[in-house]
C-alpha atoms as a PDB file:
ATOM      1  CA  MET A   1     -11.960  11.501  -0.194  1.00  0.00           C
ATOM      2  CA  HIS A   2      -8.483  10.476   0.590  1.00  0.00           C
ATOM      3  CA  GLU A   3      -5.612  12.033  -1.157  1.00  0.00           C
ATOM      4  CA  ILE A   4      -2.979   9.271  -2.109  1.00  0.00           C
ATOM      5  CA  VAL A   5       0.949   9.743  -1.964  1.00  0.00           C
ATOM      6  CA  PHE A   6       3.882   7.173  -2.359  1.00  0.00           C
ATOM      7  CA  GLU A   7       6.475   7.422  -0.254  1.00  0.00           C
ATOM      8  CA  ARG A   8       9.928   7.615  -2.568  1.00  0.00           C
ATOM      9  CA  ALA A   9      10.843   3.856  -1.620  1.00  0.00           C
ATOM     10  CA  ALA A  10       7.566   2.895  -2.551  1.00  0.00           C
ATOM     11  CA  ALA A  11       7.292   4.530  -5.580  1.00  0.00           C
ATOM     12  CA  LYS A  12      10.430   3.035  -6.611  1.00  0.00           C
ATOM     13  CA  MET A  13       9.170  -0.613  -5.533  1.00  0.00           C
ATOM     14  CA  LEU A  14       6.128  -0.206  -8.120  1.00  0.00           C
ATOM     15  CA  ALA A  15       8.332   1.258 -11.024  1.00  0.00           C
ATOM     16  CA  LYS A  16      10.220  -2.149 -10.716  1.00  0.00           C
ATOM     17  CA  LEU A  17       7.350  -4.020 -11.048  1.00  0.00           C
ATOM     18  CA  PRO A  18       5.699  -5.943 -14.383  1.00  0.00           C
ATOM     19  CA  ARG A  19       3.442  -3.166 -15.919  1.00  0.00           C
ATOM     20  CA  ASP A  20       0.238  -5.575 -15.605  1.00  0.00           C
ATOM     21  CA  ALA A  21       0.832  -5.553 -11.883  1.00  0.00           C
ATOM     22  CA  GLN A  22       1.724  -1.571 -11.708  1.00  0.00           C
ATOM     23  CA  LEU A  23      -1.841  -1.360 -13.696  1.00  0.00           C
ATOM     24  CA  ARG A  24      -3.547  -3.558 -11.249  1.00  0.00           C
ATOM     25  CA  ILE A  25      -2.243  -1.628  -8.201  1.00  0.00           C
ATOM     26  CA  GLN A  26      -2.804   1.709  -9.510  1.00  0.00           C
ATOM     27  CA  ALA A  27      -6.600   1.009  -9.543  1.00  0.00           C
ATOM     28  CA  VAL A  28      -6.131  -0.659  -6.228  1.00  0.00           C
ATOM     29  CA  VAL A  29      -4.779   2.275  -4.899  1.00  0.00           C
ATOM     30  CA  GLU A  30      -7.187   4.552  -6.608  1.00  0.00           C
ATOM     31  CA  THR A  31     -10.195   2.762  -4.542  1.00  0.00           C
ATOM     32  CA  LEU A  32      -8.513   3.199  -1.042  1.00  0.00           C
ATOM     33  CA  ALA A  33      -8.962   7.208  -1.927  1.00  0.00           C
ATOM     34  CA  ARG A  34     -12.531   6.666  -1.563  1.00  0.00           C
ATOM     35  CA  THR A  35     -12.417   3.473   0.562  1.00  0.00           C
ATOM     36  CA  PRO A  36      -8.963   3.427   3.150  1.00  0.00           C
ATOM     37  CA  ARG A  37     -10.464   0.524   5.205  1.00  0.00           C
ATOM     38  CA  PRO A  38     -12.357  -1.948   2.054  1.00  0.00           C
ATOM     39  CA  PRO A  39     -13.196  -5.457   4.059  1.00  0.00           C
ATOM     40  CA  ALA A  40     -10.357  -6.755   1.981  1.00  0.00           C
ATOM     41  CA  ALA A  41      -7.833  -4.838   4.107  1.00  0.00           C
ATOM     42  CA  THR A  42      -5.695  -6.212   7.027  1.00  0.00           C
ATOM     43  CA  LYS A  43      -4.211  -3.869   9.663  1.00  0.00           C
ATOM     44  CA  LEU A  44      -0.723  -5.007  10.445  1.00  0.00           C
ATOM     45  CA  ALA A  45       0.518  -6.193  14.025  1.00  0.00           C
ATOM     46  CA  GLY A  46       4.170  -5.272  15.340  1.00  0.00           C
ATOM     47  CA  SER A  47       4.960  -2.551  13.622  1.00  0.00           C
ATOM     48  CA  SER A  48       5.141   1.436  15.669  1.00  0.00           C
ATOM     49  CA  ARG A  49       2.991   2.778  12.837  1.00  0.00           C
ATOM     50  CA  SER A  50      -0.342   2.028  12.072  1.00  0.00           C
ATOM     51  CA  LEU A  51      -0.135   0.149   9.003  1.00  0.00           C
ATOM     52  CA  TRP A  52      -2.481  -1.536   6.737  1.00  0.00           C
ATOM     53  CA  ARG A  53      -2.471  -3.913   3.777  1.00  0.00           C
ATOM     54  CA  VAL A  54      -4.051  -4.629   1.003  1.00  0.00           C
ATOM     55  CA  ARG A  55      -3.792  -7.726  -1.569  1.00  0.00           C
ATOM     56  CA  SER A  56      -3.959  -7.219  -5.456  1.00  0.00           C
ATOM     57  CA  GLY A  57      -2.660 -10.453  -6.860  1.00  0.00           C
ATOM     58  CA  ASP A  58       0.425 -11.836  -5.440  1.00  0.00           C
ATOM     59  CA  TYR A  59       1.291  -8.232  -4.796  1.00  0.00           C
ATOM     60  CA  ARG A  60       0.788  -6.570  -1.684  1.00  0.00           C
ATOM     61  CA  VAL A  61       0.511  -2.306  -0.755  1.00  0.00           C
ATOM     62  CA  ILE A  62       1.228  -1.502   2.380  1.00  0.00           C
ATOM     63  CA  TYR A  63      -0.171   2.048   3.809  1.00  0.00           C
ATOM     64  CA  GLU A  64      -0.857   4.438   6.399  1.00  0.00           C
ATOM     65  CA  ILE A  65      -4.149   6.398   6.963  1.00  0.00           C
ATOM     66  CA  ASN A  66      -3.760   9.762   8.390  1.00  0.00           C
ATOM     67  CA  GLU A  67      -7.624  10.869   8.985  1.00  0.00           C
ATOM     68  CA  GLY A  68      -6.917  14.107  10.363  1.00  0.00           C
ATOM     69  CA  LYS A  69      -5.258  15.262   7.001  1.00  0.00           C
ATOM     70  CA  LEU A  70      -7.767  12.482   4.690  1.00  0.00           C
ATOM     71  CA  LEU A  71      -3.954  11.170   3.882  1.00  0.00           C
ATOM     72  CA  ILE A  72      -3.415   7.641   2.505  1.00  0.00           C
ATOM     73  CA  LEU A  73       0.536   6.943   2.314  1.00  0.00           C
ATOM     74  CA  VAL A  74       1.597   4.098   0.668  1.00  0.00           C
ATOM     75  CA  VAL A  75       4.490   3.045   2.574  1.00  0.00           C
ATOM     76  CA  ALA A  76       5.365  -0.207   0.291  1.00  0.00           C
ATOM     77  CA  VAL A  77       4.614  -2.118  -2.944  1.00  0.00           C
ATOM     78  CA  GLY A  78       6.068  -5.449  -3.448  1.00  0.00           C
ATOM     79  CA  ASN A  79       5.516  -9.085  -4.107  1.00  0.00           C
ATOM     80  CA  ARG A  80       3.934 -11.123  -1.095  1.00  0.00           C
ATOM     81  CA  ARG A  81       6.938 -13.373  -0.505  1.00  0.00           C
ATOM     82  CA  ASP A  82       9.525 -10.362   0.097  1.00  0.00           C
ATOM     83  CA  ILE A  83       7.621  -7.418   1.089  1.00  0.00           C
ATOM     84  CA  TYR A  84       7.065  -7.939   5.329  1.00  0.00           C
ATOM     85  CA  SER A  85      11.369  -8.348   5.024  1.00  0.00           C
ATOM     86  CA  ARG A  86      11.349  -5.331   3.315  1.00  0.00           C
ATOM     87  CA  LEU A  87       9.308  -3.159   5.853  1.00  0.00           C
ATOM     88  CA  ARG A  88      11.416  -4.314   8.709  1.00  0.00           C
ATOM     89  CA  GLY A  89      15.110  -4.016   7.022  1.00  0.00           C
END
């Protein structure tokens, strides 16, 4: 089972979301601990990091998998309309 760690920016993004969205996203993140690459996950292209994305309604969770340390690093959490621009900026 992988350990889940949120980058400081991702934790702040999550805290700003509505409570119901936070709960749904936390449930999705907890499943990543058991299954880091669920069928619904997509590997993101165009980044120097090996990032993955998983959906939770209109929200996205962007994360990185470190198999050597059995670690899931949550990089960003947010609405689908602006999450990718936040990653670039």
